[in-house]
Amino acid sequence: MKRAKRSWLLASAACVAAVTSTAPTAFSSYYVSDYETIYSQAGVDDSANGTTQQTRNLFSDTGQLQQLSLTNAMDTNAAGTVYQYPGPAVAQTTEGHIESTAEIGKLHSTVTSIATSNMVSSGVMGVATMSATDEARWSDAVHFHTTNPTGSNYTLTLTLDDTIDVAGQYALYENGINEADVHAVIVFDHDLSKNVSQDVLNQSLSVLDYHRYVEENDVTEDDRPPQRTVSMTVHVNDGAILVIDAYLETLADAEGGNTQVLVNAGNTANFNITTDDPLASYSTDSGTIFTPEATPEPASLGLLGAGIAMLALRRRTARR
């Protein structure tokens, strides 16, 4: 029986760049965290036909750690067999990999899912499934300082930069999902007693990049900006506090077919705070100064594309 489709979700590659850090202040309300999940299934448990199934359902949760950075990674694979009518049995495999770095001001993630169903006849009873998700997060409090008696304006900017690769094929009679998502999100909140403009309360900056192919409906959705920038301006008085909650969600989902999904948000997004007011400045609980980072050079993107092409060639060759 075909696994029920998950709701279309996450896939985020968020944000924020911090290149300078100093010692945290005495009172600190900041953290980093990472949550990873992997679901993998290959083969069918069918003793009558002598086939086997392997299923992996793993997760890793670092919790909220009051430190400037952390790294987390997870790998898994599964192997099983399915019976083709009138035979013989064939092997199915899956591979999954997550690698994530959460740092105050920076979030990076690469997620890969590979499923090899070897569907060569319509009598095959199961499909290989590989799904990997990652949510890296940081939170920090920004304290605004200004000697301007009317308050100052600050511009908050988020830029998403990532790559998505979806490759492989389904058999003519086979149904499946091939999906990759990257979502950059920063949510803002504040202490209402600290006189931040009301329009920033519970507001967010968000950028979504996704590629989705659903074979059974022959539907392809694709919105793949190599870069996209969103920004907002807030007006604050001296002493205002803005709490920033930034997270990067990535999803790579390969179900059925001989398919691979790669989401590379390893150098993904920048967050920046700027002001044109010479009387204005800010500090953070973590001691971080948010400044923009350089995006990948065209040559670097070319090398990444070549690496993806080689991976696809290796997988296709292995299946022959």
Protein backbone atom coordinates (compact mmCIF):
# COMPACT_ATOMS: atom_id res chain seq x y z
CA MET A 1 0.00 0.00 0.00
CA LYS A 2 1.35 3.38 -0.99
CA ARG A 3 2.54 5.60 1.84
CA ALA A 4 0.16 8.52 2.42
CA LYS A 5 1.55 11.81 1.22
CA ARG A 6 2.69 14.25 3.83
CA SER A 7 1.32 17.73 3.83
CA TRP A 8 3.42 20.03 1.64
CA LEU A 9 5.66 21.73 4.07
CA LEU A 10 8.88 23.16 5.11
CA ALA A 11 12.14 23.29 3.31
CA SER A 12 13.83 26.19 4.48
CA ALA A 13 17.07 27.77 4.02
CA ALA A 14 17.08 30.74 6.21
CA CYS A 15 19.07 33.43 7.03
CA VAL A 16 21.18 35.71 8.68
CA ALA A 17 24.75 36.66 8.57
CA ALA A 18 26.91 37.61 11.43
CA VAL A 19 30.60 38.00 10.84
CA THR A 20 31.74 39.66 14.04
CA SER A 21 31.15 38.40 17.56
CA THR A 22 32.17 39.69 20.95
CA ALA A 23 31.72 38.34 24.44
CA PRO A 24 28.04 38.01 25.43
CA THR A 25 26.55 40.44 27.90
CA ALA A 26 25.82 39.53 31.53
CA PHE A 27 22.12 39.05 30.75
CA SER A 28 21.66 36.79 27.73
CA SER A 29 18.54 35.57 25.94
CA TYR A 30 19.90 33.85 22.85
CA TYR A 31 20.25 30.26 21.64
CA VAL A 32 20.98 27.96 18.72
CA SER A 33 19.27 24.64 17.95
CA ASP A 34 18.89 21.99 15.28
CA TYR A 35 16.27 19.29 14.67
CA GLU A 36 16.78 16.59 12.02
CA THR A 37 14.49 13.75 10.90
CA ILE A 38 14.96 10.93 8.43
CA TYR A 39 12.41 8.37 7.19
CA SER A 40 13.72 5.61 4.93
CA GLN A 41 12.07 2.46 3.58
CA ALA A 42 13.16 -0.11 1.00
CA GLY A 43 11.67 -3.46 0.00
CA VAL A 44 8.58 -5.35 1.09
CA ASP A 45 8.25 -7.75 4.04
CA ASP A 46 6.83 -10.76 2.17
CA SER A 47 8.01 -14.12 3.56
CA ALA A 48 5.94 -16.06 1.05
CA ASN A 49 8.01 -14.64 -1.80
CA GLY A 50 11.24 -14.42 0.18
CA THR A 51 11.55 -10.62 0.13
CA THR A 52 12.62 -8.32 2.97
CA GLN A 53 12.09 -4.75 4.09
CA GLN A 54 14.25 -2.25 6.00
CA THR A 55 12.74 0.86 7.59
CA ARG A 56 14.59 3.66 9.37
CA ASN A 57 12.80 6.37 11.32
CA LEU A 58 15.39 8.56 13.06
CA PHE A 59 15.60 11.99 14.62
CA SER A 60 18.20 14.18 16.30
CA ASP A 61 17.25 17.13 18.53
CA THR A 62 19.98 19.28 20.08
CA GLY A 63 17.52 21.34 22.12
CA GLN A 64 18.05 25.07 22.71
CA LEU A 65 21.69 25.67 23.59
CA GLN A 66 22.89 29.02 24.92
CA GLN A 67 26.02 29.15 22.82
CA LEU A 68 27.13 30.90 19.64
CA SER A 69 27.18 27.88 17.30
CA LEU A 70 26.65 24.14 16.86
CA THR A 71 26.97 21.51 14.14
CA ASN A 72 24.82 18.43 13.60
CA ALA A 73 24.72 15.64 11.02
CA MET A 74 22.83 12.45 10.26
CA ASP A 75 23.25 9.66 7.68
CA THR A 76 21.19 6.57 6.96
CA ASN A 77 20.51 3.95 4.31
CA ALA A 78 18.15 1.04 3.85
CA ALA A 79 18.16 -2.02 1.61
CA GLY A 80 15.42 -4.52 0.84
CA THR A 81 13.92 -6.61 -1.93
CA VAL A 82 10.59 -6.72 -3.77
CA TYR A 83 9.06 -9.51 -5.83
CA GLN A 84 8.07 -8.89 -9.42
CA TYR A 85 5.31 -11.00 -10.88
CA PRO A 86 6.05 -13.42 -12.36
CA GLY A 87 9.56 -12.81 -10.92
CA PRO A 88 12.36 -12.50 -10.04
CA ALA A 89 12.89 -10.43 -6.88
CA VAL A 90 14.82 -7.18 -7.26
CA ALA A 91 16.80 -5.05 -4.80
CA GLN A 92 15.73 -1.60 -3.56
CA THR A 93 17.94 0.91 -1.75
CA THR A 94 17.75 4.34 -0.17
CA GLU A 95 20.35 6.85 0.99
CA GLY A 96 19.93 9.99 3.09
CA HIS A 97 22.25 12.67 4.45
CA ILE A 98 21.80 15.83 6.52
CA GLU A 99 24.53 18.26 7.51
CA SER A 100 23.68 21.43 9.40
CA THR A 101 25.36 24.38 11.12
CA ALA A 102 23.45 26.78 13.35
CA GLU A 103 25.30 29.90 14.43
CA ILE A 104 24.02 33.18 15.77
CA GLY A 105 23.48 35.12 12.57
CA LYS A 106 24.10 32.18 10.22
CA LEU A 107 22.22 29.01 9.28
CA HIS A 108 23.51 26.44 6.80
CA SER A 109 22.10 23.09 5.70
CA THR A 110 22.55 20.45 2.99
CA VAL A 111 19.99 17.66 2.66
CA THR A 112 20.11 14.73 0.23
CA SER A 113 17.61 11.91 -0.45
CA ILE A 114 18.14 9.07 -2.95
CA ALA A 115 15.60 6.31 -3.64
CA THR A 116 16.15 3.40 -6.03
CA SER A 117 12.99 1.34 -6.57
CA ASN A 118 14.15 -0.68 -9.64
CA MET A 119 10.61 -0.80 -10.95
CA VAL A 120 10.90 -2.87 -14.12
CA SER A 121 7.46 -4.47 -14.19
CA SER A 122 3.99 -3.39 -13.11
CA GLY A 123 3.86 -6.32 -10.70
CA VAL A 124 6.26 -4.78 -8.18
CA MET A 125 4.41 -4.35 -4.88
CA GLY A 126 6.38 -1.56 -3.15
CA VAL A 127 8.47 1.55 -3.79
CA ALA A 128 11.59 2.88 -2.11
CA THR A 129 11.05 6.01 0.00
CA MET A 130 13.57 8.47 1.41
CA SER A 131 12.67 11.70 3.22
CA ALA A 132 15.07 13.99 5.10
CA THR A 133 14.24 17.26 6.88
CA ASP A 134 16.27 19.76 8.87
CA GLU A 135 15.34 22.78 10.96
CA ALA A 136 18.26 24.91 12.12
CA ARG A 137 17.43 27.90 14.29
CA TRP A 138 18.90 30.82 16.18
CA SER A 139 17.35 33.49 18.35
CA ASP A 140 18.77 36.74 19.68
CA ALA A 141 17.60 40.05 21.17
CA VAL A 142 18.59 43.34 19.54
CA HIS A 143 18.83 46.47 21.72
CA PHE A 144 18.50 49.71 19.77
CA HIS A 145 20.31 52.85 20.87
CA THR A 146 19.67 56.32 19.52
CA THR A 147 20.15 59.88 20.69
CA ASN A 148 17.70 61.16 18.07
CA PRO A 149 14.81 62.67 20.10
CA THR A 150 12.26 61.50 17.48
CA GLY A 151 13.63 57.97 17.22
CA SER A 152 15.46 56.27 14.34
CA ASN A 153 14.67 54.03 11.38
CA TYR A 154 16.43 50.69 10.86
CA THR A 155 16.17 48.47 7.78
CA LEU A 156 16.08 44.68 8.31
CA THR A 157 16.96 42.62 5.24
CA LEU A 158 16.89 38.88 4.47
CA THR A 159 18.38 37.37 1.29
CA LEU A 160 17.98 33.72 0.25
CA ASP A 161 20.63 32.02 -1.89
CA ASP A 162 20.47 28.24 -2.48
CA THR A 163 20.50 25.46 -5.08
CA ILE A 164 18.04 22.62 -5.67
CA ASP A 165 18.63 19.55 -7.85
CA VAL A 166 15.96 16.94 -8.63
CA ALA A 167 16.88 14.09 -10.99
CA GLY A 168 15.84 10.56 -11.92
CA GLN A 169 12.86 8.87 -13.48
CA TYR A 170 9.65 6.98 -12.74
CA ALA A 171 8.32 3.96 -14.58
CA LEU A 172 5.27 4.61 -16.79
CA TYR A 173 2.89 2.88 -14.36
CA GLU A 174 4.53 4.15 -11.16
CA ASN A 175 3.30 6.87 -8.81
CA GLY A 176 5.53 8.93 -6.55
CA ILE A 177 6.63 12.31 -5.19
CA ASN A 178 9.85 14.12 -5.92
CA GLU A 179 10.04 17.23 -3.75
CA ALA A 180 12.57 19.74 -2.47
CA ASP A 181 11.91 22.90 -0.47
CA VAL A 182 14.00 25.64 1.09
CA HIS A 183 12.40 28.26 3.31
CA ALA A 184 14.11 31.22 4.92
CA VAL A 185 12.15 32.78 7.78
CA ILE A 186 12.84 35.44 10.38
CA VAL A 187 10.09 36.29 12.88
CA PHE A 188 10.21 39.50 14.92
CA ASP A 189 8.68 40.21 18.31
CA HIS A 190 9.36 42.82 20.94
CA ASP A 191 8.70 44.07 24.44
CA LEU A 192 5.66 46.34 24.07
CA SER A 193 6.92 48.53 26.90
CA LYS A 194 10.05 49.38 24.91
CA ASN A 195 8.37 51.55 22.28
CA VAL A 196 8.96 49.64 19.04
CA SER A 197 6.62 50.60 16.19
CA GLN A 198 3.49 48.45 16.45
CA ASP A 199 3.63 47.33 12.81
CA VAL A 200 6.59 45.04 13.53
CA LEU A 201 4.76 43.03 16.21
CA ASN A 202 4.69 39.37 15.13
CA GLN A 203 5.84 40.31 11.63
CA SER A 204 8.28 38.21 9.61
CA LEU A 205 10.56 38.14 6.59
CA SER A 206 10.16 34.96 4.56
CA VAL A 207 11.57 33.55 1.31
CA LEU A 208 10.53 30.18 -0.18
CA ASP A 209 12.29 28.21 -2.92
CA TYR A 210 10.78 24.89 -4.00
CA HIS A 211 10.64 22.25 -6.69
CA ARG A 212 7.94 19.58 -6.65
CA TYR A 213 7.01 16.82 -9.10
CA VAL A 214 4.01 14.55 -8.46
CA GLU A 215 4.10 11.73 -11.01
CA GLU A 216 0.58 10.40 -10.60
CA ASN A 217 -0.91 13.80 -11.51
CA ASP A 218 1.88 14.70 -13.94
CA VAL A 219 2.22 18.02 -12.11
CA THR A 220 5.43 20.00 -11.81
CA GLU A 221 5.67 23.14 -9.67
CA ASP A 222 8.86 25.13 -9.77
CA ASP A 223 9.75 28.47 -8.19
CA ARG A 224 13.50 28.69 -8.08
CA PRO A 225 14.93 32.15 -7.52
CA PRO A 226 18.74 31.91 -7.31
CA GLN A 227 18.48 34.96 -5.06
CA ARG A 228 15.60 36.86 -3.54
CA THR A 229 15.72 39.73 -1.07
CA VAL A 230 12.99 40.95 1.27
CA SER A 231 13.22 43.79 3.77
CA MET A 232 11.24 45.93 6.20
CA THR A 233 11.84 49.20 8.03
CA VAL A 234 11.11 49.72 11.72
CA HIS A 235 11.01 52.98 13.65
CA VAL A 236 12.23 52.75 17.23
CA ASN A 237 13.11 54.96 20.15
CA ASP A 238 16.15 54.58 22.37
CA GLY A 239 16.05 51.42 24.49
CA ALA A 240 13.76 49.44 22.16
CA ILE A 241 14.26 45.66 22.18
CA LEU A 242 13.50 43.48 19.15
CA VAL A 243 13.62 39.68 19.52
CA ILE A 244 14.66 37.86 16.34
CA ASP A 245 13.78 34.20 15.80
CA ALA A 246 15.44 32.90 12.61
CA TYR A 247 15.07 29.44 11.19
CA LEU A 248 16.08 27.46 8.13
CA GLU A 249 13.90 24.56 7.05
CA THR A 250 15.02 22.14 4.34
CA LEU A 251 13.20 19.13 2.91
CA ALA A 252 14.38 16.54 0.37
CA ASP A 253 11.75 13.90 -0.40
CA ALA A 254 12.21 11.07 -2.93
CA GLU A 255 9.39 8.52 -3.10
CA GLY A 256 9.36 5.84 -5.77
CA GLY A 257 11.24 5.76 -9.03
CA ASN A 258 15.01 5.89 -9.31
CA THR A 259 15.33 9.42 -8.02
CA GLN A 260 17.55 11.80 -6.11
CA VAL A 261 16.84 15.13 -4.45
CA LEU A 262 19.57 17.52 -3.29
CA VAL A 263 18.95 20.76 -1.38
CA ASN A 264 22.10 22.80 -0.86
CA ALA A 265 21.61 25.71 1.50
CA GLY A 266 25.18 25.53 2.73
CA ASN A 267 25.78 29.20 1.93
CA THR A 268 22.24 30.30 1.87
CA ALA A 269 21.04 33.56 3.30
CA ASN A 270 22.14 36.83 4.80
CA PHE A 271 20.44 38.96 7.41
CA ASN A 272 21.45 42.57 7.88
CA ILE A 273 20.48 45.55 10.04
CA THR A 274 21.30 48.99 8.65
CA THR A 275 20.45 52.61 9.45
CA ASP A 276 21.15 55.93 7.76
CA ASP A 277 20.87 57.81 11.06
CA PRO A 278 24.32 58.75 12.43
CA LEU A 279 22.78 59.00 15.90
CA ALA A 280 21.64 55.35 15.86
CA SER A 281 23.35 52.06 16.79
CA TYR A 282 22.46 48.69 18.31
CA SER A 283 23.81 45.81 20.38
CA THR A 284 22.71 42.19 20.89
CA ASP A 285 22.51 39.78 23.81
CA SER A 286 24.91 37.40 22.06
CA GLY A 287 27.44 40.13 21.26
CA THR A 288 26.93 39.57 17.52
CA ILE A 289 27.07 42.32 14.88
CA PHE A 290 24.88 41.48 11.88
CA THR A 291 26.51 42.36 8.56
CA PRO A 292 25.98 41.01 5.04
CA GLU A 293 28.08 38.16 3.69
CA ALA A 294 29.24 37.65 0.12
CA THR A 295 27.07 35.36 -2.02
CA PRO A 296 28.72 32.52 -3.98
CA GLU A 297 30.78 33.58 -6.98
CA PRO A 298 29.53 32.33 -10.40
CA ALA A 299 32.58 30.03 -10.61
CA SER A 300 31.62 28.41 -7.29
CA LEU A 301 28.07 27.82 -8.50
CA GLY A 302 29.50 26.24 -11.68
CA LEU A 303 31.60 23.82 -9.65
CA LEU A 304 28.56 22.91 -7.55
CA GLY A 305 26.53 22.26 -10.70
CA ALA A 306 29.30 20.04 -12.07
CA GLY A 307 29.32 18.06 -8.82
CA ILE A 308 25.57 17.53 -9.01
CA ALA A 309 25.88 16.37 -12.64
CA MET A 310 28.58 13.85 -11.68
CA LEU A 311 26.37 12.52 -8.87
CA ALA A 312 23.49 12.05 -11.29
CA LEU A 313 25.78 10.29 -13.80
CA ARG A 314 27.15 8.00 -11.08
CA ARG A 315 23.64 7.00 -10.00
CA ARG A 316 22.46 6.38 -13.57
CA THR A 317 25.56 4.26 -14.32
CA ALA A 318 25.07 2.22 -11.13
CA ARG A 319 21.52 1.33 -12.17
CA ARG A 320 22.50 -0.12 -15.55
